[in-house]
Amino acid sequence: MKRDYFEGADIAVTVCAKDGTILDMNGKSRRTFIKPGEPEIIGANVLDCHPEPARSMLADMLQNPRTNIYTVEKEGLKKLIFQTPWYDEGEYAGFMELSIVLPEVIPNRVRKPAK
């Protein structure tokens, strides 16, 4: 991942290796998941950062790569969570998570194919 692309983005991006080791986090991810005074979590295992049942689900996703998309509400914010495998030279290398705060109202635009 080229960190510069995500560093200033208003989405949290976290990248893990296939063994669950946290490899990288952009600034928004660090501010979201690491509170002041807490230790660095890059190098930690993502499974240790999640309670059940999320821990078991992530462990299964690491073994059986697939995309997982859901919304969650926490501290009054609704977020879209997009977890998906990433690949290095065509080989499964782990997964990345994008966490996006959603506005209260989201327009839905239906686009028709060009004729």
PDB file of N, CA and C in Angstrom:
ATOM      1  N   MET A   1       0.855  -1.180   0.000  1.00  0.00           N
ATOM      2  CA  MET A   1       0.000   0.000   0.000  1.00  0.00           C
ATOM      3  C   MET A   1       0.886   1.224   0.000  1.00  0.00           C
ATOM      4  N   LYS A   2       0.567   2.150  -0.848  1.00  0.00           N
ATOM      5  CA  LYS A   2       1.278   3.410  -0.870  1.00  0.00           C
ATOM      6  C   LYS A   2       0.596   4.334   0.117  1.00  0.00           C
ATOM      7  N   ARG A   3       1.161   4.462   1.269  1.00  0.00           N
ATOM      8  CA  ARG A   3       0.544   5.171   2.384  1.00  0.00           C
ATOM      9  C   ARG A   3       0.148   6.600   2.040  1.00  0.00           C
ATOM     10  N   ASP A   4       0.892   7.264   1.181  1.00  0.00           N
ATOM     11  CA  ASP A   4       0.591   8.653   0.839  1.00  0.00           C
ATOM     12  C   ASP A   4      -0.817   8.828   0.284  1.00  0.00           C
ATOM     13  N   TYR A   5      -1.350   7.834  -0.391  1.00  0.00           N
ATOM     14  CA  TYR A   5      -2.691   7.940  -0.962  1.00  0.00           C
ATOM     15  C   TYR A   5      -3.756   8.047   0.120  1.00  0.00           C
ATOM     16  N   PHE A   6      -3.549   7.410   1.238  1.00  0.00           N
ATOM     17  CA  PHE A   6      -4.564   7.333   2.277  1.00  0.00           C
ATOM     18  C   PHE A   6      -4.299   8.228   3.478  1.00  0.00           C
ATOM     19  N   GLU A   7      -3.099   8.768   3.594  1.00  0.00           N
ATOM     20  CA  GLU A   7      -2.731   9.490   4.814  1.00  0.00           C
ATOM     21  C   GLU A   7      -3.661  10.664   5.112  1.00  0.00           C
ATOM     22  N   GLY A   8      -4.020  11.439   4.122  1.00  0.00           N
ATOM     23  CA  GLY A   8      -4.877  12.593   4.360  1.00  0.00           C
ATOM     24  C   GLY A   8      -6.357  12.320   4.169  1.00  0.00           C
ATOM     25  N   ALA A   9      -6.700  11.095   3.824  1.00  0.00           N
ATOM     26  CA  ALA A   9      -8.101  10.754   3.550  1.00  0.00           C
ATOM     27  C   ALA A   9      -8.903  10.682   4.842  1.00  0.00           C
ATOM     28  N   ASP A  10     -10.177  11.004   4.753  1.00  0.00           N
ATOM     29  CA  ASP A  10     -11.057  10.981   5.918  1.00  0.00           C
ATOM     30  C   ASP A  10     -11.715   9.612   6.068  1.00  0.00           C
ATOM     31  N   ILE A  11     -10.932   8.568   5.875  1.00  0.00           N
ATOM     32  CA  ILE A  11     -11.359   7.191   6.130  1.00  0.00           C
ATOM     33  C   ILE A  11     -10.219   6.498   6.864  1.00  0.00           C
ATOM     34  N   ALA A  12     -10.567   5.565   7.742  1.00  0.00           N
ATOM     35  CA  ALA A  12      -9.544   4.802   8.456  1.00  0.00           C
ATOM     36  C   ALA A  12      -9.167   3.587   7.610  1.00  0.00           C
ATOM     37  N   VAL A  13      -7.868   3.439   7.335  1.00  0.00           N
ATOM     38  CA  VAL A  13      -7.365   2.317   6.544  1.00  0.00           C
ATOM     39  C   VAL A  13      -6.364   1.539   7.393  1.00  0.00           C
ATOM     40  N   THR A  14      -6.644   0.247   7.575  1.00  0.00           N
ATOM     41  CA  THR A  14      -5.766  -0.633   8.334  1.00  0.00           C
ATOM     42  C   THR A  14      -5.434  -1.835   7.455  1.00  0.00           C
ATOM     43  N   VAL A  15      -4.159  -2.210   7.407  1.00  0.00           N
ATOM     44  CA  VAL A  15      -3.719  -3.326   6.572  1.00  0.00           C
ATOM     45  C   VAL A  15      -3.059  -4.384   7.454  1.00  0.00           C
ATOM     46  N   CYS A  16      -3.508  -5.637   7.284  1.00  0.00           N
ATOM     47  CA  CYS A  16      -2.979  -6.761   8.063  1.00  0.00           C
ATOM     48  C   CYS A  16      -2.384  -7.811   7.132  1.00  0.00           C
ATOM     49  N   ALA A  17      -1.398  -8.529   7.644  1.00  0.00           N
ATOM     50  CA  ALA A  17      -0.834  -9.681   6.939  1.00  0.00           C
ATOM     51  C   ALA A  17      -1.770 -10.870   7.123  1.00  0.00           C
ATOM     52  N   LYS A  18      -1.534 -11.929   6.372  1.00  0.00           N
ATOM     53  CA  LYS A  18      -2.416 -13.089   6.449  1.00  0.00           C
ATOM     54  C   LYS A  18      -2.331 -13.824   7.777  1.00  0.00           C
ATOM     55  N   ASP A  19      -1.307 -13.552   8.587  1.00  0.00           N
ATOM     56  CA  ASP A  19      -1.243 -14.137   9.934  1.00  0.00           C
ATOM     57  C   ASP A  19      -1.897 -13.233  10.975  1.00  0.00           C
ATOM     58  N   GLY A  20      -2.439 -12.086  10.521  1.00  0.00           N
ATOM     59  CA  GLY A  20      -3.135 -11.170  11.419  1.00  0.00           C
ATOM     60  C   GLY A  20      -2.281 -10.023  11.932  1.00  0.00           C
ATOM     61  N   THR A  21      -0.994 -10.003  11.613  1.00  0.00           N
ATOM     62  CA  THR A  21      -0.122  -8.919  12.054  1.00  0.00           C
ATOM     63  C   THR A  21      -0.542  -7.610  11.385  1.00  0.00           C
ATOM     64  N   ILE A  22      -0.737  -6.568  12.189  1.00  0.00           N
ATOM     65  CA  ILE A  22      -1.079  -5.254  11.643  1.00  0.00           C
ATOM     66  C   ILE A  22       0.178  -4.669  11.017  1.00  0.00           C
ATOM     67  N   LEU A  23       0.112  -4.409   9.705  1.00  0.00           N
ATOM     68  CA  LEU A  23       1.262  -3.923   8.949  1.00  0.00           C
ATOM     69  C   LEU A  23       1.296  -2.408   8.832  1.00  0.00           C
ATOM     70  N   ASP A  24       0.118  -1.798   8.689  1.00  0.00           N
ATOM     71  CA  ASP A  24       0.088  -0.359   8.427  1.00  0.00           C
ATOM     72  C   ASP A  24      -1.259   0.223   8.812  1.00  0.00           C
ATOM     73  N   MET A  25      -1.241   1.474   9.177  1.00  0.00           N
ATOM     74  CA  MET A  25      -2.463   2.218   9.509  1.00  0.00           C
ATOM     75  C   MET A  25      -2.245   3.651   9.037  1.00  0.00           C
ATOM     76  N   ASN A  26      -3.260   4.240   8.423  1.00  0.00           N
ATOM     77  CA  ASN A  26      -3.126   5.646   8.081  1.00  0.00           C
ATOM     78  C   ASN A  26      -3.450   6.488   9.320  1.00  0.00           C
ATOM     79  N   GLY A  27      -3.322   7.815   9.198  1.00  0.00           N
ATOM     80  CA  GLY A  27      -3.534   8.704  10.336  1.00  0.00           C
ATOM     81  C   GLY A  27      -4.910   8.579  10.955  1.00  0.00           C
ATOM     82  N   LYS A  28      -5.954   8.502  10.130  1.00  0.00           N
ATOM     83  CA  LYS A  28      -7.323   8.382  10.646  1.00  0.00           C
ATOM     84  C   LYS A  28      -7.488   7.067  11.415  1.00  0.00           C
ATOM     85  N   SER A  29      -6.900   6.004  10.918  1.00  0.00           N
ATOM     86  CA  SER A  29      -6.975   4.711  11.613  1.00  0.00           C
ATOM     87  C   SER A  29      -6.278   4.794  12.969  1.00  0.00           C
ATOM     88  N   ARG A  30      -5.118   5.409  13.007  1.00  0.00           N
ATOM     89  CA  ARG A  30      -4.395   5.564  14.273  1.00  0.00           C
ATOM     90  C   ARG A  30      -5.218   6.376  15.277  1.00  0.00           C
ATOM     91  N   ARG A  31      -5.815   7.476  14.817  1.00  0.00           N
ATOM     92  CA  ARG A  31      -6.619   8.314  15.718  1.00  0.00           C
ATOM     93  C   ARG A  31      -7.868   7.580  16.191  1.00  0.00           C
ATOM     94  N   THR A  32      -8.393   6.694  15.359  1.00  0.00           N
ATOM     95  CA  THR A  32      -9.599   5.946  15.706  1.00  0.00           C
ATOM     96  C   THR A  32      -9.298   4.819  16.690  1.00  0.00           C
ATOM     97  N   PHE A  33      -8.228   4.091  16.451  1.00  0.00           N
ATOM     98  CA  PHE A  33      -7.987   2.860  17.201  1.00  0.00           C
ATOM     99  C   PHE A  33      -6.909   2.943  18.282  1.00  0.00           C
ATOM    100  N   ILE A  34      -6.085   3.982  18.274  1.00  0.00           N
ATOM    101  CA  ILE A  34      -5.050   4.131  19.301  1.00  0.00           C
ATOM    102  C   ILE A  34      -5.341   5.407  20.077  1.00  0.00           C
ATOM    103  N   LYS A  35      -5.722   5.253  21.312  1.00  0.00           N
ATOM    104  CA  LYS A  35      -6.033   6.405  22.153  1.00  0.00           C
ATOM    105  C   LYS A  35      -4.740   6.966  22.749  1.00  0.00           C
ATOM    106  N   PRO A  36      -4.723   8.276  23.080  1.00  0.00           N
ATOM    107  CA  PRO A  36      -3.513   8.877  23.671  1.00  0.00           C
ATOM    108  C   PRO A  36      -3.018   8.073  24.873  1.00  0.00           C
ATOM    109  N   GLY A  37      -1.726   7.825  24.890  1.00  0.00           N
ATOM    110  CA  GLY A  37      -1.113   7.081  25.984  1.00  0.00           C
ATOM    111  C   GLY A  37      -1.108   5.577  25.783  1.00  0.00           C
ATOM    112  N   GLU A  38      -1.854   5.086  24.781  1.00  0.00           N
ATOM    113  CA  GLU A  38      -1.857   3.650  24.503  1.00  0.00           C
ATOM    114  C   GLU A  38      -0.657   3.293  23.630  1.00  0.00           C
ATOM    115  N   PRO A  39      -0.199   2.055  23.717  1.00  0.00           N
ATOM    116  CA  PRO A  39       0.965   1.651  22.911  1.00  0.00           C
ATOM    117  C   PRO A  39       0.630   1.510  21.426  1.00  0.00           C
ATOM    118  N   GLU A  40       1.657   1.564  20.614  1.00  0.00           N
ATOM    119  CA  GLU A  40       1.561   1.344  19.170  1.00  0.00           C
ATOM    120  C   GLU A  40       0.998  -0.049  18.921  1.00  0.00           C
ATOM    121  N   ILE A  41       0.142  -0.182  17.903  1.00  0.00           N
ATOM    122  CA  ILE A  41      -0.388  -1.523  17.622  1.00  0.00           C
ATOM    123  C   ILE A  41       0.095  -2.094  16.292  1.00  0.00           C
ATOM    124  N   ILE A  42       0.855  -1.317  15.519  1.00  0.00           N
ATOM    125  CA  ILE A  42       1.469  -1.913  14.327  1.00  0.00           C
ATOM    126  C   ILE A  42       2.441  -2.974  14.827  1.00  0.00           C
ATOM    127  N   GLY A  43       2.333  -4.155  14.272  1.00  0.00           N
ATOM    128  CA  GLY A  43       3.122  -5.302  14.722  1.00  0.00           C
ATOM    129  C   GLY A  43       2.332  -6.212  15.649  1.00  0.00           C
ATOM    130  N   ALA A  44       1.227  -5.681  16.216  1.00  0.00           N
ATOM    131  CA  ALA A  44       0.358  -6.512  17.061  1.00  0.00           C
ATOM    132  C   ALA A  44      -0.532  -7.359  16.155  1.00  0.00           C
ATOM    133  N   ASN A  45      -1.201  -8.335  16.752  1.00  0.00           N
ATOM    134  CA  ASN A  45      -2.119  -9.162  15.985  1.00  0.00           C
ATOM    135  C   ASN A  45      -3.512  -8.559  16.056  1.00  0.00           C
ATOM    136  N   VAL A  46      -4.150  -8.408  14.910  1.00  0.00           N
ATOM    137  CA  VAL A  46      -5.482  -7.813  14.837  1.00  0.00           C
ATOM    138  C   VAL A  46      -6.494  -8.603  15.674  1.00  0.00           C
ATOM    139  N   LEU A  47      -6.280  -9.888  15.819  1.00  0.00           N
ATOM    140  CA  LEU A  47      -7.201 -10.705  16.608  1.00  0.00           C
ATOM    141  C   LEU A  47      -7.200 -10.286  18.074  1.00  0.00           C
ATOM    142  N   ASP A  48      -6.056  -9.807  18.563  1.00  0.00           N
ATOM    143  CA  ASP A  48      -5.958  -9.370  19.956  1.00  0.00           C
ATOM    144  C   ASP A  48      -6.676  -8.039  20.196  1.00  0.00           C
ATOM    145  N   CYS A  49      -7.070  -7.372  19.135  1.00  0.00           N
ATOM    146  CA  CYS A  49      -7.733  -6.066  19.236  1.00  0.00           C
ATOM    147  C   CYS A  49      -9.255  -6.177  19.170  1.00  0.00           C
ATOM    148  N   HIS A  50      -9.777  -7.392  19.031  1.00  0.00           N
ATOM    149  CA  HIS A  50     -11.214  -7.582  18.853  1.00  0.00           C
ATOM    150  C   HIS A  50     -11.784  -8.581  19.862  1.00  0.00           C
ATOM    151  N   PRO A  51     -12.936  -8.251  20.433  1.00  0.00           N
ATOM    152  CA  PRO A  51     -13.630  -9.207  21.310  1.00  0.00           C
ATOM    153  C   PRO A  51     -14.430 -10.194  20.455  1.00  0.00           C
ATOM    154  N   GLU A  52     -14.939 -11.233  21.082  1.00  0.00           N
ATOM    155  CA  GLU A  52     -15.853 -12.146  20.386  1.00  0.00           C
ATOM    156  C   GLU A  52     -17.183 -11.438  20.143  1.00  0.00           C
ATOM    157  N   PRO A  53     -17.899 -11.720  19.100  1.00  0.00           N
ATOM    158  CA  PRO A  53     -17.638 -12.730  18.074  1.00  0.00           C
ATOM    159  C   PRO A  53     -16.780 -12.217  16.919  1.00  0.00           C
ATOM    160  N   ALA A  54     -16.406 -10.923  16.943  1.00  0.00           N
ATOM    161  CA  ALA A  54     -15.610 -10.364  15.847  1.00  0.00           C
ATOM    162  C   ALA A  54     -14.274 -11.090  15.705  1.00  0.00           C
ATOM    163  N   ARG A  55     -13.679 -11.471  16.808  1.00  0.00           N
ATOM    164  CA  ARG A  55     -12.381 -12.165  16.771  1.00  0.00           C
ATOM    165  C   ARG A  55     -12.470 -13.456  15.960  1.00  0.00           C
ATOM    166  N   SER A  56     -13.466 -14.275  16.237  1.00  0.00           N
ATOM    167  CA  SER A  56     -13.620 -15.542  15.505  1.00  0.00           C
ATOM    168  C   SER A  56     -13.909 -15.309  14.034  1.00  0.00           C
ATOM    169  N   MET A  57     -14.721 -14.287  13.732  1.00  0.00           N
ATOM    170  CA  MET A  57     -15.031 -13.976  12.342  1.00  0.00           C
ATOM    171  C   MET A  57     -13.756 -13.560  11.597  1.00  0.00           C
ATOM    172  N   LEU A  58     -12.935 -12.703  12.210  1.00  0.00           N
ATOM    173  CA  LEU A  58     -11.691 -12.267  11.576  1.00  0.00           C
ATOM    174  C   LEU A  58     -10.720 -13.428  11.407  1.00  0.00           C
ATOM    175  N   ALA A  59     -10.632 -14.295  12.408  1.00  0.00           N
ATOM    176  CA  ALA A  59      -9.752 -15.464  12.302  1.00  0.00           C
ATOM    177  C   ALA A  59     -10.164 -16.323  11.110  1.00  0.00           C
ATOM    178  N   ASP A  60     -11.473 -16.502  10.925  1.00  0.00           N
ATOM    179  CA  ASP A  60     -11.956 -17.281   9.795  1.00  0.00           C
ATOM    180  C   ASP A  60     -11.672 -16.568   8.474  1.00  0.00           C
ATOM    181  N   MET A  61     -11.814 -15.242   8.462  1.00  0.00           N
ATOM    182  CA  MET A  61     -11.519 -14.481   7.239  1.00  0.00           C
ATOM    183  C   MET A  61     -10.046 -14.580   6.860  1.00  0.00           C
ATOM    184  N   LEU A  62      -9.161 -14.644   7.843  1.00  0.00           N
ATOM    185  CA  LEU A  62      -7.734 -14.788   7.553  1.00  0.00           C
ATOM    186  C   LEU A  62      -7.446 -16.143   6.912  1.00  0.00           C
ATOM    187  N   GLN A  63      -8.165 -17.178   7.341  1.00  0.00           N
ATOM    188  CA  GLN A  63      -7.980 -18.521   6.793  1.00  0.00           C
ATOM    189  C   GLN A  63      -8.750 -18.747   5.496  1.00  0.00           C
ATOM    190  N   ASN A  64      -9.884 -18.082   5.352  1.00  0.00           N
ATOM    191  CA  ASN A  64     -10.766 -18.231   4.192  1.00  0.00           C
ATOM    192  C   ASN A  64     -11.061 -16.843   3.627  1.00  0.00           C
ATOM    193  N   PRO A  65     -10.122 -16.309   2.840  1.00  0.00           N
ATOM    194  CA  PRO A  65     -10.233 -14.926   2.378  1.00  0.00           C
ATOM    195  C   PRO A  65     -11.546 -14.635   1.657  1.00  0.00           C
ATOM    196  N   ARG A  66     -12.182 -13.566   2.085  1.00  0.00           N
ATOM    197  CA  ARG A  66     -13.417 -13.105   1.459  1.00  0.00           C
ATOM    198  C   ARG A  66     -13.667 -11.672   1.904  1.00  0.00           C
ATOM    199  N   THR A  67     -14.519 -10.993   1.198  1.00  0.00           N
ATOM    200  CA  THR A  67     -14.889  -9.627   1.548  1.00  0.00           C
ATOM    201  C   THR A  67     -16.048  -9.658   2.534  1.00  0.00           C
ATOM    202  N   ASN A  68     -15.997  -8.775   3.506  1.00  0.00           N
ATOM    203  CA  ASN A  68     -17.026  -8.640   4.526  1.00  0.00           C
ATOM    204  C   ASN A  68     -17.396  -7.164   4.617  1.00  0.00           C
ATOM    205  N   ILE A  69     -18.669  -6.855   4.430  1.00  0.00           N
ATOM    206  CA  ILE A  69     -19.131  -5.464   4.448  1.00  0.00           C
ATOM    207  C   ILE A  69     -20.317  -5.357   5.391  1.00  0.00           C
ATOM    208  N   TYR A  70     -20.266  -4.365   6.284  1.00  0.00           N
ATOM    209  CA  TYR A  70     -21.378  -4.147   7.211  1.00  0.00           C
ATOM    210  C   TYR A  70     -21.337  -2.715   7.720  1.00  0.00           C
ATOM    211  N   THR A  71     -22.395  -2.309   8.410  1.00  0.00           N
ATOM    212  CA  THR A  71     -22.398  -1.018   9.082  1.00  0.00           C
ATOM    213  C   THR A  71     -22.428  -1.261  10.582  1.00  0.00           C
ATOM    214  N   VAL A  72     -21.921  -0.283  11.312  1.00  0.00           N
ATOM    215  CA  VAL A  72     -21.896  -0.343  12.768  1.00  0.00           C
ATOM    216  C   VAL A  72     -22.165   1.066  13.286  1.00  0.00           C
ATOM    217  N   GLU A  73     -22.786   1.150  14.438  1.00  0.00           N
ATOM    218  CA  GLU A  73     -22.984   2.449  15.066  1.00  0.00           C
ATOM    219  C   GLU A  73     -22.249   2.446  16.391  1.00  0.00           C
ATOM    220  N   LYS A  74     -21.403   3.463  16.587  1.00  0.00           N
ATOM    221  CA  LYS A  74     -20.595   3.551  17.799  1.00  0.00           C
ATOM    222  C   LYS A  74     -20.410   5.017  18.151  1.00  0.00           C
ATOM    223  N   GLU A  75     -20.684   5.340  19.392  1.00  0.00           N
ATOM    224  CA  GLU A  75     -20.532   6.713  19.885  1.00  0.00           C
ATOM    225  C   GLU A  75     -21.288   7.711  19.012  1.00  0.00           C
ATOM    226  N   GLY A  76     -22.483   7.314  18.569  1.00  0.00           N
ATOM    227  CA  GLY A  76     -23.331   8.198  17.782  1.00  0.00           C
ATOM    228  C   GLY A  76     -22.960   8.321  16.317  1.00  0.00           C
ATOM    229  N   LEU A  77     -21.937   7.602  15.873  1.00  0.00           N
ATOM    230  CA  LEU A  77     -21.528   7.646  14.469  1.00  0.00           C
ATOM    231  C   LEU A  77     -21.843   6.316  13.795  1.00  0.00           C
ATOM    232  N   LYS A  78     -22.450   6.402  12.630  1.00  0.00           N
ATOM    233  CA  LYS A  78     -22.688   5.204  11.843  1.00  0.00           C
ATOM    234  C   LYS A  78     -21.535   5.076  10.855  1.00  0.00           C
ATOM    235  N   LYS A  79     -20.966   3.863  10.774  1.00  0.00           N
ATOM    236  CA  LYS A  79     -19.808   3.647   9.907  1.00  0.00           C
ATOM    237  C   LYS A  79     -20.057   2.473   8.969  1.00  0.00           C
ATOM    238  N   LEU A  80     -19.506   2.594   7.775  1.00  0.00           N
ATOM    239  CA  LEU A  80     -19.448   1.495   6.825  1.00  0.00           C
ATOM    240  C   LEU A  80     -18.093   0.833   7.026  1.00  0.00           C
ATOM    241  N   ILE A  81     -18.091  -0.469   7.277  1.00  0.00           N
ATOM    242  CA  ILE A  81     -16.855  -1.232   7.428  1.00  0.00           C
ATOM    243  C   ILE A  81     -16.725  -2.131   6.204  1.00  0.00           C
ATOM    244  N   PHE A  82     -15.609  -2.004   5.512  1.00  0.00           N
ATOM    245  CA  PHE A  82     -15.337  -2.781   4.304  1.00  0.00           C
ATOM    246  C   PHE A  82     -14.017  -3.509   4.535  1.00  0.00           C
ATOM    247  N   GLN A  83     -14.092  -4.812   4.720  1.00  0.00           N
ATOM    248  CA  GLN A  83     -12.911  -5.642   4.939  1.00  0.00           C
ATOM    249  C   GLN A  83     -12.747  -6.526   3.706  1.00  0.00           C
ATOM    250  N   THR A  84     -11.549  -6.516   3.137  1.00  0.00           N
ATOM    251  CA  THR A  84     -11.348  -7.269   1.902  1.00  0.00           C
ATOM    252  C   THR A  84      -9.916  -7.800   1.821  1.00  0.00           C
ATOM    253  N   PRO A  85      -9.735  -8.965   1.204  1.00  0.00           N
ATOM    254  CA  PRO A  85      -8.381  -9.486   1.031  1.00  0.00           C
ATOM    255  C   PRO A  85      -7.559  -8.568   0.128  1.00  0.00           C
ATOM    256  N   TRP A  86      -6.248  -8.584   0.331  1.00  0.00           N
ATOM    257  CA  TRP A  86      -5.346  -7.917  -0.601  1.00  0.00           C
ATOM    258  C   TRP A  86      -4.301  -8.944  -1.046  1.00  0.00           C
ATOM    259  N   TYR A  87      -3.715  -8.679  -2.185  1.00  0.00           N
ATOM    260  CA  TYR A  87      -2.837  -9.660  -2.817  1.00  0.00           C
ATOM    261  C   TYR A  87      -1.514  -9.007  -3.195  1.00  0.00           C
ATOM    262  N   ASP A  88      -0.452  -9.767  -3.081  1.00  0.00           N
ATOM    263  CA  ASP A  88       0.879  -9.324  -3.482  1.00  0.00           C
ATOM    264  C   ASP A  88       1.340 -10.240  -4.595  1.00  0.00           C
ATOM    265  N   GLU A  89       1.474  -9.687  -5.786  1.00  0.00           N
ATOM    266  CA  GLU A  89       1.851 -10.450  -6.974  1.00  0.00           C
ATOM    267  C   GLU A  89       0.952 -11.666  -7.167  1.00  0.00           C
ATOM    268  N   GLY A  90      -0.350 -11.455  -6.954  1.00  0.00           N
ATOM    269  CA  GLY A  90      -1.344 -12.490  -7.184  1.00  0.00           C
ATOM    270  C   GLY A  90      -1.537 -13.468  -6.038  1.00  0.00           C
ATOM    271  N   GLU A  91      -0.729 -13.374  -4.986  1.00  0.00           N
ATOM    272  CA  GLU A  91      -0.835 -14.290  -3.851  1.00  0.00           C
ATOM    273  C   GLU A  91      -1.504 -13.586  -2.670  1.00  0.00           C
ATOM    274  N   TYR A  92      -2.460 -14.286  -2.046  1.00  0.00           N
ATOM    275  CA  TYR A  92      -3.144 -13.742  -0.881  1.00  0.00           C
ATOM    276  C   TYR A  92      -2.120 -13.321   0.169  1.00  0.00           C
ATOM    277  N   ALA A  93      -2.230 -12.061   0.644  1.00  0.00           N
ATOM    278  CA  ALA A  93      -1.238 -11.529   1.576  1.00  0.00           C
ATOM    279  C   ALA A  93      -1.846 -11.071   2.897  1.00  0.00           C
ATOM    280  N   GLY A  94      -3.175 -10.978   2.968  1.00  0.00           N
ATOM    281  CA  GLY A  94      -3.827 -10.518   4.191  1.00  0.00           C
ATOM    282  C   GLY A  94      -5.116  -9.811   3.858  1.00  0.00           C
ATOM    283  N   PHE A  95      -5.568  -8.937   4.762  1.00  0.00           N
ATOM    284  CA  PHE A  95      -6.754  -8.161   4.430  1.00  0.00           C
ATOM    285  C   PHE A  95      -6.604  -6.733   4.887  1.00  0.00           C
ATOM    286  N   MET A  96      -7.383  -5.882   4.283  1.00  0.00           N
ATOM    287  CA  MET A  96      -7.402  -4.484   4.668  1.00  0.00           C
ATOM    288  C   MET A  96      -8.812  -4.103   5.063  1.00  0.00           C
ATOM    289  N   GLU A  97      -8.892  -3.140   5.969  1.00  0.00           N
ATOM    290  CA  GLU A  97     -10.189  -2.651   6.417  1.00  0.00           C
ATOM    291  C   GLU A  97     -10.270  -1.163   6.149  1.00  0.00           C
ATOM    292  N   LEU A  98     -11.377  -0.767   5.534  1.00  0.00           N
ATOM    293  CA  LEU A  98     -11.699   0.641   5.343  1.00  0.00           C
ATOM    294  C   LEU A  98     -12.891   0.940   6.234  1.00  0.00           C
ATOM    295  N   SER A  99     -12.777   1.947   7.080  1.00  0.00           N
ATOM    296  CA  SER A  99     -13.851   2.350   7.979  1.00  0.00           C
ATOM    297  C   SER A  99     -14.230   3.779   7.608  1.00  0.00           C
ATOM    298  N   ILE A 100     -15.481   3.954   7.169  1.00  0.00           N
ATOM    299  CA  ILE A 100     -15.933   5.247   6.643  1.00  0.00           C
ATOM    300  C   ILE A 100     -17.132   5.723   7.455  1.00  0.00           C
ATOM    301  N   VAL A 101     -17.018   6.921   8.049  1.00  0.00           N
ATOM    302  CA  VAL A 101     -18.150   7.501   8.768  1.00  0.00           C
ATOM    303  C   VAL A 101     -19.189   7.923   7.737  1.00  0.00           C
ATOM    304  N   LEU A 102     -20.437   7.505   7.974  1.00  0.00           N
ATOM    305  CA  LEU A 102     -21.526   7.798   7.041  1.00  0.00           C
ATOM    306  C   LEU A 102     -22.352   8.982   7.533  1.00  0.00           C
ATOM    307  N   PRO A 103     -22.787   9.841   6.612  1.00  0.00           N
ATOM    308  CA  PRO A 103     -23.690  10.921   7.000  1.00  0.00           C
ATOM    309  C   PRO A 103     -25.070  10.342   7.319  1.00  0.00           C
ATOM    310  N   GLU A 104     -25.905  11.127   7.994  1.00  0.00           N
ATOM    311  CA  GLU A 104     -27.245  10.652   8.347  1.00  0.00           C
ATOM    312  C   GLU A 104     -28.067  10.295   7.115  1.00  0.00           C
ATOM    313  N   VAL A 105     -27.929  11.089   6.069  1.00  0.00           N
ATOM    314  CA  VAL A 105     -28.669  10.844   4.828  1.00  0.00           C
ATOM    315  C   VAL A 105     -27.652  10.666   3.704  1.00  0.00           C
ATOM    316  N   ILE A 106     -27.817   9.578   2.968  1.00  0.00           N
ATOM    317  CA  ILE A 106     -26.927   9.309   1.844  1.00  0.00           C
ATOM    318  C   ILE A 106     -27.763   9.236   0.576  1.00  0.00           C
ATOM    319  N   PRO A 107     -27.464  10.095  -0.390  1.00  0.00           N
ATOM    320  CA  PRO A 107     -28.196  10.005  -1.664  1.00  0.00           C
ATOM    321  C   PRO A 107     -27.846   8.694  -2.380  1.00  0.00           C
ATOM    322  N   ASN A 108     -28.800   8.142  -3.046  1.00  0.00           N
ATOM    323  CA  ASN A 108     -28.586   6.962  -3.870  1.00  0.00           C
ATOM    324  C   ASN A 108     -28.875   7.348  -5.308  1.00  0.00           C
ATOM    325  N   ARG A 109     -27.880   7.283  -6.146  1.00  0.00           N
ATOM    326  CA  ARG A 109     -28.046   7.674  -7.543  1.00  0.00           C
ATOM    327  C   ARG A 109     -28.018   6.424  -8.409  1.00  0.00           C
ATOM    328  N   VAL A 110     -29.055   6.264  -9.195  1.00  0.00           N
ATOM    329  CA  VAL A 110     -29.135   5.131 -10.106  1.00  0.00           C
ATOM    330  C   VAL A 110     -28.607   5.598 -11.446  1.00  0.00           C
ATOM    331  N   ARG A 111     -27.596   4.929 -11.915  1.00  0.00           N
ATOM    332  CA  ARG A 111     -26.982   5.289 -13.200  1.00  0.00           C
ATOM    333  C   ARG A 111     -27.384   4.268 -14.247  1.00  0.00           C
ATOM    334  N   LYS A 112     -27.814   4.783 -15.363  1.00  0.00           N
ATOM    335  CA  LYS A 112     -28.228   3.909 -16.453  1.00  0.00           C
ATOM    336  C   LYS A 112     -27.050   3.770 -17.425  1.00  0.00           C
ATOM    337  N   PRO A 113     -26.906   2.567 -17.981  1.00  0.00           N
ATOM    338  CA  PRO A 113     -25.817   2.367 -18.939  1.00  0.00           C
ATOM    339  C   PRO A 113     -26.002   3.258 -20.176  1.00  0.00           C
ATOM    340  N   ALA A 114     -24.883   3.695 -20.711  1.00  0.00           N
ATOM    341  CA  ALA A 114     -24.925   4.479 -21.957  1.00  0.00           C
ATOM    342  C   ALA A 114     -25.366   3.592 -23.098  1.00  0.00           C
ATOM    343  N   LYS A 115     -26.117   4.174 -24.009  1.00  0.00           N
ATOM    344  CA  LYS A 115     -26.615   3.385 -25.153  1.00  0.00           C
ATOM    345  C   LYS A 115     -25.637   3.378 -26.275  1.00  0.00           C
TER     346      LYS A 115
END
